[in-house]
Amino acid sequence: MIKQEQKNIFATFSYLAKKRENIADLTQEALLRVAKNIKSLKNPKNFKSWLNQIVTNLFYDELRKAARKPDIVSMDDEMDDDTKFTLKSILTDKKCKPPEKCISAELEEIIKEQIRNLPDQFRIAIVLRELQGLSYEEIAQATNVNVGTVKSRISRARIKLQNELRTYI
């Protein structure tokens, strides 16, 4: 069960977190909080909502931390003035991928990027609804807003995503 939840948490953070290097750390922190606080869960039927509350709180904590820190630029992303290539573009990928898999992976990355570009309140609402399958009521409880606000945020997020992804889908 932990492996499955770990995958779900990781997938959720992969859509929420703007920086890839934070996804594994956030997932680990969520699993640690689950382990530490599992005894406080009174009704096992509420586990998914309880877990998503932890994920949501971690995400908001991360947003607050990010607002206080300046962005860091990786040295690996620097361009070489002579070749006009980045180090990452010079290194070859040894794995052979069929074109369909490449297109699918590329489209998935484009969708993730567009979700990451949504305003924070839209992003958390759409991820909890579409990826985690939470009800509007559960999302309202997790984000501490009313159900009407959740519905509005999800609707606006869907419209923004449709507009941004129109050329790809």
C-alpha atoms as a PDB file:
ATOM      1  CA  MET A   1       0.000   0.000   0.000  1.00  0.00           C
ATOM      2  CA  ILE A   2       2.833   2.405   0.817  1.00  0.00           C
ATOM      3  CA  LYS A   3       4.395   1.895  -2.647  1.00  0.00           C
ATOM      4  CA  GLN A   4       1.089   2.778  -4.333  1.00  0.00           C
ATOM      5  CA  GLU A   5       0.597   5.850  -2.153  1.00  0.00           C
ATOM      6  CA  GLN A   6       4.201   6.877  -2.787  1.00  0.00           C
ATOM      7  CA  LYS A   7       3.541   6.751  -6.538  1.00  0.00           C
ATOM      8  CA  ASN A   8       0.339   8.779  -6.139  1.00  0.00           C
ATOM      9  CA  ILE A   9       2.061  11.381  -3.971  1.00  0.00           C
ATOM     10  CA  PHE A  10       4.994  11.609  -6.383  1.00  0.00           C
ATOM     11  CA  ALA A  11       2.613  11.999  -9.343  1.00  0.00           C
ATOM     12  CA  THR A  12       0.688  14.725  -7.545  1.00  0.00           C
ATOM     13  CA  PHE A  13       3.816  16.688  -6.704  1.00  0.00           C
ATOM     14  CA  SER A  14       5.124  16.240 -10.259  1.00  0.00           C
ATOM     15  CA  TYR A  15       2.158  18.302 -11.407  1.00  0.00           C
ATOM     16  CA  LEU A  16       2.243  20.774  -8.546  1.00  0.00           C
ATOM     17  CA  ALA A  17       5.933  21.531  -8.044  1.00  0.00           C
ATOM     18  CA  LYS A  18       7.543  23.859 -10.543  1.00  0.00           C
ATOM     19  CA  LYS A  19      11.044  22.605  -9.773  1.00  0.00           C
ATOM     20  CA  ARG A  20      11.711  18.946 -10.483  1.00  0.00           C
ATOM     21  CA  GLU A  21      14.380  18.693  -7.824  1.00  0.00           C
ATOM     22  CA  ASN A  22      11.729  19.359  -5.156  1.00  0.00           C
ATOM     23  CA  ILE A  23       9.398  16.503  -6.131  1.00  0.00           C
ATOM     24  CA  ALA A  24      11.324  13.670  -4.452  1.00  0.00           C
ATOM     25  CA  ASP A  25      11.923  15.746  -1.320  1.00  0.00           C
ATOM     26  CA  LEU A  26       8.260  16.685  -1.049  1.00  0.00           C
ATOM     27  CA  THR A  27       7.210  13.064  -1.562  1.00  0.00           C
ATOM     28  CA  GLN A  28       9.592  11.886   1.127  1.00  0.00           C
ATOM     29  CA  GLU A  29       8.402  14.557   3.534  1.00  0.00           C
ATOM     30  CA  ALA A  30       4.770  13.587   2.906  1.00  0.00           C
ATOM     31  CA  LEU A  31       5.521   9.924   3.604  1.00  0.00           C
ATOM     32  CA  LEU A  32       7.370  10.885   6.792  1.00  0.00           C
ATOM     33  CA  ARG A  33       4.403  12.929   7.978  1.00  0.00           C
ATOM     34  CA  VAL A  34       2.079  10.008   7.216  1.00  0.00           C
ATOM     35  CA  ALA A  35       4.284   7.648   9.247  1.00  0.00           C
ATOM     36  CA  LYS A  36       4.552  10.071  12.167  1.00  0.00           C
ATOM     37  CA  ASN A  37       0.877  10.981  12.294  1.00  0.00           C
ATOM     38  CA  ILE A  38      -0.948   7.820  11.201  1.00  0.00           C
ATOM     39  CA  LYS A  39      -2.094   7.260  14.790  1.00  0.00           C
ATOM     40  CA  SER A  40      -4.002  10.549  14.682  1.00  0.00           C
ATOM     41  CA  LEU A  41      -6.208   9.213  11.851  1.00  0.00           C
ATOM     42  CA  LYS A  42      -9.432   8.250  13.595  1.00  0.00           C
ATOM     43  CA  ASN A  43     -11.337   6.826  10.637  1.00  0.00           C
ATOM     44  CA  PRO A  44      -9.385   4.732   8.096  1.00  0.00           C
ATOM     45  CA  LYS A  45     -12.071   5.480   5.483  1.00  0.00           C
ATOM     46  CA  ASN A  46     -10.831   9.081   5.485  1.00  0.00           C
ATOM     47  CA  PHE A  47      -7.235   8.084   4.707  1.00  0.00           C
ATOM     48  CA  LYS A  48      -7.208   9.499   1.173  1.00  0.00           C
ATOM     49  CA  SER A  49      -8.616  12.855   2.281  1.00  0.00           C
ATOM     50  CA  TRP A  50      -6.229  12.915   5.228  1.00  0.00           C
ATOM     51  CA  LEU A  51      -3.273  12.120   2.957  1.00  0.00           C
ATOM     52  CA  ASN A  52      -4.282  14.790   0.457  1.00  0.00           C
ATOM     53  CA  GLN A  53      -4.520  17.305   3.294  1.00  0.00           C
ATOM     54  CA  ILE A  54      -0.889  16.497   4.113  1.00  0.00           C
ATOM     55  CA  VAL A  55       0.111  16.873   0.446  1.00  0.00           C
ATOM     56  CA  THR A  56      -1.774  20.159   0.146  1.00  0.00           C
ATOM     57  CA  ASN A  57      -0.218  21.568   3.310  1.00  0.00           C
ATOM     58  CA  LEU A  58       3.261  20.557   2.140  1.00  0.00           C
ATOM     59  CA  PHE A  59       2.656  22.203  -1.223  1.00  0.00           C
ATOM     60  CA  TYR A  60       1.550  25.452   0.409  1.00  0.00           C
ATOM     61  CA  ASP A  61       4.541  25.301   2.772  1.00  0.00           C
ATOM     62  CA  GLU A  62       6.805  24.922  -0.260  1.00  0.00           C
ATOM     63  CA  LEU A  63       5.181  27.935  -1.938  1.00  0.00           C
ATOM     64  CA  ARG A  64       5.805  30.050   1.144  1.00  0.00           C
ATOM     65  CA  LYS A  65       9.449  28.924   1.290  1.00  0.00           C
ATOM     66  CA  ALA A  66       9.952  29.597  -2.417  1.00  0.00           C
ATOM     67  CA  ALA A  67       8.615  33.119  -2.045  1.00  0.00           C
ATOM     68  CA  ARG A  68      11.373  33.830   0.485  1.00  0.00           C
ATOM     69  CA  LYS A  69      14.243  32.328  -1.574  1.00  0.00           C
ATOM     70  CA  PRO A  70      15.809  33.746  -4.720  1.00  0.00           C
ATOM     71  CA  ASP A  71      15.925  31.477  -7.773  1.00  0.00           C
ATOM     72  CA  ILE A  72      19.115  29.473  -8.234  1.00  0.00           C
ATOM     73  CA  VAL A  73      20.501  28.912 -11.713  1.00  0.00           C
ATOM     74  CA  SER A  74      22.232  25.610 -12.383  1.00  0.00           C
ATOM     75  CA  MET A  75      25.718  25.687 -13.864  1.00  0.00           C
ATOM     76  CA  ASP A  76      24.701  22.760 -16.075  1.00  0.00           C
ATOM     77  CA  ASP A  77      22.293  25.010 -17.919  1.00  0.00           C
ATOM     78  CA  GLU A  78      24.918  27.564 -18.899  1.00  0.00           C
ATOM     79  CA  MET A  79      25.586  27.848 -22.631  1.00  0.00           C
ATOM     80  CA  ASP A  80      29.058  27.374 -24.011  1.00  0.00           C
ATOM     81  CA  ASP A  81      29.906  30.552 -25.970  1.00  0.00           C
ATOM     82  CA  ASP A  82      31.944  28.653 -28.580  1.00  0.00           C
ATOM     83  CA  THR A  83      29.474  25.901 -29.438  1.00  0.00           C
ATOM     84  CA  LYS A  84      26.140  27.480 -28.428  1.00  0.00           C
ATOM     85  CA  PHE A  85      25.125  24.160 -26.858  1.00  0.00           C
ATOM     86  CA  THR A  86      24.318  23.306 -23.293  1.00  0.00           C
ATOM     87  CA  LEU A  87      26.077  20.434 -21.614  1.00  0.00           C
ATOM     88  CA  LYS A  88      22.790  18.528 -21.475  1.00  0.00           C
ATOM     89  CA  SER A  89      22.226  18.864 -25.227  1.00  0.00           C
ATOM     90  CA  ILE A  90      25.667  17.421 -26.018  1.00  0.00           C
ATOM     91  CA  LEU A  91      25.178  14.284 -23.931  1.00  0.00           C
ATOM     92  CA  THR A  92      23.408  11.612 -25.917  1.00  0.00           C
ATOM     93  CA  ASP A  93      20.549   9.535 -24.638  1.00  0.00           C
ATOM     94  CA  LYS A  94      21.541   5.885 -25.006  1.00  0.00           C
ATOM     95  CA  LYS A  95      17.960   4.619 -24.700  1.00  0.00           C
ATOM     96  CA  CYS A  96      16.115   3.864 -27.894  1.00  0.00           C
ATOM     97  CA  LYS A  97      12.540   5.104 -27.851  1.00  0.00           C
ATOM     98  CA  PRO A  98       9.848   4.490 -30.434  1.00  0.00           C
ATOM     99  CA  PRO A  99       8.385   7.661 -31.943  1.00  0.00           C
ATOM    100  CA  GLU A 100       4.984   7.071 -30.292  1.00  0.00           C
ATOM    101  CA  LYS A 101       6.568   6.898 -26.859  1.00  0.00           C
ATOM    102  CA  CYS A 102       8.522  10.085 -27.538  1.00  0.00           C
ATOM    103  CA  ILE A 103       5.424  11.948 -28.683  1.00  0.00           C
ATOM    104  CA  SER A 104       3.441  10.704 -25.686  1.00  0.00           C
ATOM    105  CA  ALA A 105       6.212  11.651 -23.258  1.00  0.00           C
ATOM    106  CA  GLU A 106       6.600  15.051 -24.933  1.00  0.00           C
ATOM    107  CA  LEU A 107       2.866  15.729 -24.741  1.00  0.00           C
ATOM    108  CA  GLU A 108       2.768  14.641 -21.102  1.00  0.00           C
ATOM    109  CA  GLU A 109       5.606  17.035 -20.328  1.00  0.00           C
ATOM    110  CA  ILE A 110       3.807  19.867 -22.150  1.00  0.00           C
ATOM    111  CA  ILE A 111       0.639  19.182 -20.148  1.00  0.00           C
ATOM    112  CA  LYS A 112       2.602  19.081 -16.878  1.00  0.00           C
ATOM    113  CA  GLU A 113       4.296  22.350 -17.771  1.00  0.00           C
ATOM    114  CA  GLN A 114       0.973  24.029 -18.529  1.00  0.00           C
ATOM    115  CA  ILE A 115      -0.461  22.766 -15.231  1.00  0.00           C
ATOM    116  CA  ARG A 116       2.620  24.093 -13.421  1.00  0.00           C
ATOM    117  CA  ASN A 117       2.042  27.483 -15.073  1.00  0.00           C
ATOM    118  CA  LEU A 118      -1.469  27.789 -13.642  1.00  0.00           C
ATOM    119  CA  PRO A 119      -1.942  30.103 -10.664  1.00  0.00           C
ATOM    120  CA  ASP A 120      -1.368  28.219  -7.411  1.00  0.00           C
ATOM    121  CA  GLN A 121      -5.006  28.038  -6.308  1.00  0.00           C
ATOM    122  CA  PHE A 122      -6.107  26.739  -9.737  1.00  0.00           C
ATOM    123  CA  ARG A 123      -3.231  24.251  -9.901  1.00  0.00           C
ATOM    124  CA  ILE A 124      -3.934  22.642  -6.539  1.00  0.00           C
ATOM    125  CA  ALA A 125      -7.672  22.399  -7.260  1.00  0.00           C
ATOM    126  CA  ILE A 126      -7.276  20.803 -10.704  1.00  0.00           C
ATOM    127  CA  VAL A 127      -4.612  18.342  -9.550  1.00  0.00           C
ATOM    128  CA  LEU A 128      -6.642  17.214  -6.547  1.00  0.00           C
ATOM    129  CA  ARG A 129      -9.735  16.780  -8.744  1.00  0.00           C
ATOM    130  CA  GLU A 130      -8.304  15.263 -11.931  1.00  0.00           C
ATOM    131  CA  LEU A 131      -5.288  13.333 -10.650  1.00  0.00           C
ATOM    132  CA  GLN A 132      -6.329  12.414  -7.126  1.00  0.00           C
ATOM    133  CA  GLY A 133     -10.033  12.032  -7.904  1.00  0.00           C
ATOM    134  CA  LEU A 134     -11.197  13.984  -4.872  1.00  0.00           C
ATOM    135  CA  SER A 135     -14.746  15.285  -4.674  1.00  0.00           C
ATOM    136  CA  TYR A 136     -15.421  19.005  -4.625  1.00  0.00           C
ATOM    137  CA  GLU A 137     -16.231  18.745  -0.917  1.00  0.00           C
ATOM    138  CA  GLU A 138     -12.926  16.991  -0.159  1.00  0.00           C
ATOM    139  CA  ILE A 139     -11.003  19.621  -2.106  1.00  0.00           C
ATOM    140  CA  ALA A 140     -12.865  22.389  -0.284  1.00  0.00           C
ATOM    141  CA  GLN A 141     -11.918  20.809   3.030  1.00  0.00           C
ATOM    142  CA  ALA A 142      -8.276  20.309   1.994  1.00  0.00           C
ATOM    143  CA  THR A 143      -7.870  23.886   0.763  1.00  0.00           C
ATOM    144  CA  ASN A 144     -10.059  25.564   3.402  1.00  0.00           C
ATOM    145  CA  VAL A 145     -12.412  27.243   0.920  1.00  0.00           C
ATOM    146  CA  ASN A 146     -16.085  26.700   0.113  1.00  0.00           C
ATOM    147  CA  VAL A 147     -17.329  24.285  -2.550  1.00  0.00           C
ATOM    148  CA  GLY A 148     -18.404  27.075  -4.912  1.00  0.00           C
ATOM    149  CA  THR A 149     -14.879  28.458  -4.910  1.00  0.00           C
ATOM    150  CA  VAL A 150     -13.472  25.002  -5.677  1.00  0.00           C
ATOM    151  CA  LYS A 151     -15.860  24.570  -8.627  1.00  0.00           C
ATOM    152  CA  SER A 152     -14.949  28.012  -9.931  1.00  0.00           C
ATOM    153  CA  ARG A 153     -11.210  27.374  -9.649  1.00  0.00           C
ATOM    154  CA  ILE A 154     -11.472  24.012 -11.401  1.00  0.00           C
ATOM    155  CA  SER A 155     -13.580  25.508 -14.181  1.00  0.00           C
ATOM    156  CA  ARG A 156     -11.135  28.370 -14.703  1.00  0.00           C
ATOM    157  CA  ALA A 157      -8.171  25.980 -14.625  1.00  0.00           C
ATOM    158  CA  ARG A 158      -9.814  23.780 -17.289  1.00  0.00           C
ATOM    159  CA  ILE A 159     -10.491  26.792 -19.515  1.00  0.00           C
ATOM    160  CA  LYS A 160      -6.903  28.020 -19.177  1.00  0.00           C
ATOM    161  CA  LEU A 161      -5.527  24.552 -19.927  1.00  0.00           C
ATOM    162  CA  GLN A 162      -7.798  24.147 -22.955  1.00  0.00           C
ATOM    163  CA  ASN A 163      -6.627  27.484 -24.339  1.00  0.00           C
ATOM    164  CA  GLU A 164      -2.946  26.737 -23.729  1.00  0.00           C
ATOM    165  CA  LEU A 165      -3.092  23.175 -25.071  1.00  0.00           C
ATOM    166  CA  ARG A 166      -5.308  23.887 -28.082  1.00  0.00           C
ATOM    167  CA  THR A 167      -2.351  23.746 -30.505  1.00  0.00           C
ATOM    168  CA  TYR A 168      -1.170  20.399 -29.144  1.00  0.00           C
ATOM    169  CA  ILE A 169      -4.426  18.510 -28.712  1.00  0.00           C
END
